[in-house]
């Protein structure tokens, strides 16, 4: 004989499994550690500082 299952429980179990799969996907896609975020912020700050230091000062431009 076949195993008797409660369809309501099976449907809820399937929904829970789908949510867990989605959560795992989101953790892989968006989840970053605090140190990764800190490192990225530091790299971005260094890039900004480098670019700002390379700008030419146009306030004393005699041609204008």
N, C-alpha and C. Protein backbone atom coordinates (compact mmCIF):
# COMPACT_ATOMS: atom_id res chain seq x y z
N UNK A 1 0.82 -1.19 0.00
CA UNK A 1 0.00 0.00 0.00
C UNK A 1 0.87 1.25 0.00
N UNK A 2 0.30 2.30 -0.49
CA UNK A 2 1.00 3.58 -0.54
C UNK A 2 0.95 4.24 0.83
N UNK A 3 1.92 5.08 1.07
CA UNK A 3 1.97 5.82 2.32
C UNK A 3 0.92 6.93 2.29
N UNK A 4 0.19 7.06 3.36
CA UNK A 4 -0.84 8.09 3.46
C UNK A 4 -0.18 9.35 4.00
N UNK A 5 -0.39 10.46 3.29
CA UNK A 5 0.19 11.73 3.72
C UNK A 5 -0.91 12.77 3.83
N UNK A 6 -0.68 13.74 4.68
CA UNK A 6 -1.60 14.85 4.83
C UNK A 6 -1.18 15.90 3.80
N UNK A 7 -2.05 16.19 2.86
CA UNK A 7 -1.71 17.10 1.77
C UNK A 7 -1.42 18.51 2.28
N UNK A 8 -2.12 18.94 3.32
CA UNK A 8 -1.88 20.27 3.88
C UNK A 8 -0.45 20.35 4.43
N UNK A 9 -0.04 19.34 5.16
CA UNK A 9 1.32 19.33 5.71
C UNK A 9 2.36 19.23 4.61
N UNK A 10 2.10 18.48 3.57
CA UNK A 10 3.03 18.35 2.46
C UNK A 10 3.18 19.68 1.73
N UNK A 11 2.07 20.37 1.55
CA UNK A 11 2.08 21.67 0.87
C UNK A 11 2.87 22.69 1.70
N UNK A 12 2.65 22.70 3.01
CA UNK A 12 3.38 23.63 3.88
C UNK A 12 4.86 23.28 3.91
N UNK A 13 5.19 22.01 3.93
CA UNK A 13 6.59 21.59 3.92
C UNK A 13 7.30 22.01 2.65
N UNK A 14 6.60 21.90 1.54
CA UNK A 14 7.18 22.31 0.26
C UNK A 14 7.42 23.82 0.25
N UNK A 15 6.47 24.58 0.81
CA UNK A 15 6.60 26.03 0.87
C UNK A 15 7.78 26.43 1.76
N UNK A 16 7.94 25.74 2.90
CA UNK A 16 9.07 26.02 3.80
C UNK A 16 10.40 25.73 3.11
N UNK A 17 10.46 24.64 2.37
CA UNK A 17 11.69 24.28 1.67
C UNK A 17 12.03 25.33 0.61
N UNK A 18 11.02 25.85 -0.08
CA UNK A 18 11.25 26.89 -1.08
C UNK A 18 11.77 28.17 -0.43
N UNK A 19 11.20 28.52 0.73
CA UNK A 19 11.66 29.71 1.44
C UNK A 19 13.11 29.55 1.90
N UNK A 20 13.45 28.36 2.37
CA UNK A 20 14.83 28.12 2.81
C UNK A 20 15.80 28.20 1.64
N UNK A 21 15.41 27.69 0.48
CA UNK A 21 16.26 27.81 -0.71
C UNK A 21 16.46 29.27 -1.09
N UNK A 22 15.39 30.06 -1.03
CA UNK A 22 15.48 31.49 -1.35
C UNK A 22 16.38 32.20 -0.35
N UNK A 23 16.25 31.83 0.92
CA UNK A 23 17.07 32.46 1.95
C UNK A 23 18.55 32.13 1.73
N UNK A 24 18.84 30.91 1.36
CA UNK A 24 20.23 30.52 1.11
C UNK A 24 20.79 31.29 -0.09
N UNK A 25 19.98 31.48 -1.10
CA UNK A 25 20.40 32.24 -2.26
C UNK A 25 20.68 33.70 -1.88
N UNK A 26 19.81 34.29 -1.07
CA UNK A 26 19.99 35.68 -0.65
C UNK A 26 21.22 35.83 0.24
N UNK A 27 21.47 34.85 1.11
CA UNK A 27 22.66 34.92 1.96
C UNK A 27 23.92 34.92 1.11
N UNK A 28 23.93 34.11 0.07
CA UNK A 28 25.10 34.05 -0.80
C UNK A 28 25.24 35.32 -1.63
N UNK A 29 24.11 35.89 -2.01
CA UNK A 29 24.13 37.05 -2.89
C UNK A 29 24.41 38.35 -2.14
N UNK A 30 23.79 38.55 -0.98
CA UNK A 30 23.88 39.82 -0.28
C UNK A 30 24.69 39.79 1.00
N UNK A 31 24.88 38.64 1.55
CA UNK A 31 25.54 38.53 2.85
C UNK A 31 27.03 38.81 2.77
N UNK A 32 27.49 39.73 3.56
CA UNK A 32 28.91 40.03 3.65
C UNK A 32 29.25 40.21 5.11
N UNK A 33 30.46 39.84 5.44
CA UNK A 33 30.88 40.00 6.83
C UNK A 33 31.20 41.46 7.12
N UNK A 34 31.29 41.77 8.39
CA UNK A 34 31.59 43.13 8.81
C UNK A 34 32.97 43.55 8.30
N UNK A 35 33.91 42.63 8.31
CA UNK A 35 35.27 42.95 7.85
C UNK A 35 35.30 43.20 6.35
N UNK A 36 34.50 42.46 5.59
CA UNK A 36 34.44 42.71 4.14
C UNK A 36 33.89 44.10 3.86
N UNK A 37 32.84 44.48 4.59
CA UNK A 37 32.27 45.82 4.41
C UNK A 37 33.28 46.89 4.79
N UNK A 38 33.99 46.67 5.89
CA UNK A 38 34.99 47.63 6.35
C UNK A 38 36.13 47.76 5.34
N UNK A 39 36.58 46.63 4.80
CA UNK A 39 37.65 46.65 3.81
C UNK A 39 37.20 47.39 2.54
N UNK A 40 35.99 47.13 2.10
CA UNK A 40 35.48 47.82 0.91
C UNK A 40 35.38 49.32 1.13
N UNK A 41 34.95 49.73 2.33
CA UNK A 41 34.86 51.15 2.64
C UNK A 41 36.25 51.78 2.66
N UNK A 42 37.23 51.08 3.18
CA UNK A 42 38.60 51.58 3.22
C UNK A 42 39.17 51.74 1.81
N UNK A 43 38.94 50.76 0.96
CA UNK A 43 39.41 50.83 -0.43
C UNK A 43 38.75 52.00 -1.15
N UNK A 44 37.45 52.18 -0.92
CA UNK A 44 36.73 53.29 -1.56
C UNK A 44 37.27 54.63 -1.07
N UNK A 45 37.57 54.74 0.22
CA UNK A 45 38.13 55.98 0.76
C UNK A 45 39.50 56.26 0.16
N UNK A 46 40.30 55.22 -0.02
CA UNK A 46 41.63 55.41 -0.62
C UNK A 46 41.51 55.88 -2.07
N UNK A 47 40.56 55.31 -2.80
CA UNK A 47 40.35 55.74 -4.19
C UNK A 47 39.94 57.20 -4.25
N UNK A 48 39.03 57.59 -3.38
CA UNK A 48 38.55 58.98 -3.34
C UNK A 48 39.69 59.93 -3.00
N UNK A 49 40.49 59.56 -2.02
CA UNK A 49 41.61 60.39 -1.60
C UNK A 49 42.62 60.54 -2.73
N UNK A 50 42.88 59.46 -3.44
CA UNK A 50 43.83 59.50 -4.55
C UNK A 50 43.31 60.41 -5.67
N UNK A 51 42.03 60.28 -5.99
CA UNK A 51 41.47 61.11 -7.06
C UNK A 51 41.40 62.58 -6.65
N UNK A 52 41.03 62.85 -5.41
CA UNK A 52 40.96 64.23 -4.95
C UNK A 52 42.35 64.87 -4.91
N UNK A 53 43.37 64.09 -4.63
CA UNK A 53 44.73 64.61 -4.59
C UNK A 53 45.28 64.89 -5.97
N UNK A 54 44.72 64.27 -6.99
CA UNK A 54 45.21 64.45 -8.35
C UNK A 54 44.47 65.56 -9.10
N UNK A 55 43.47 66.17 -8.48
CA UNK A 55 42.73 67.24 -9.15
C UNK A 55 43.61 68.49 -9.28
N UNK A 56 43.41 69.19 -10.35
CA UNK A 56 44.14 70.43 -10.58
C UNK A 56 43.40 71.58 -9.91
N UNK A 57 44.15 72.50 -9.37
CA UNK A 57 43.56 73.68 -8.74
C UNK A 57 43.31 74.71 -9.83
N UNK A 58 42.06 75.02 -10.09
CA UNK A 58 41.69 75.96 -11.16
C UNK A 58 41.25 77.31 -10.59
N UNK A 59 41.35 77.50 -9.29
CA UNK A 59 40.90 78.76 -8.70
C UNK A 59 41.82 79.92 -9.07
N UNK A 60 43.10 79.69 -9.33
CA UNK A 60 44.05 80.74 -9.69
C UNK A 60 44.37 80.72 -11.18
N UNK A 61 43.44 80.27 -11.97
CA UNK A 61 43.67 80.15 -13.41
C UNK A 61 43.61 81.54 -14.05
N UNK A 62 44.74 82.04 -14.60
CA UNK A 62 44.75 83.38 -15.21
C UNK A 62 44.02 83.44 -16.56
N UNK A 63 43.75 82.32 -17.17
CA UNK A 63 43.11 82.32 -18.48
C UNK A 63 41.62 82.63 -18.39
N UNK A 64 41.03 82.58 -17.24
CA UNK A 64 39.60 82.85 -17.11
C UNK A 64 39.32 84.27 -16.76
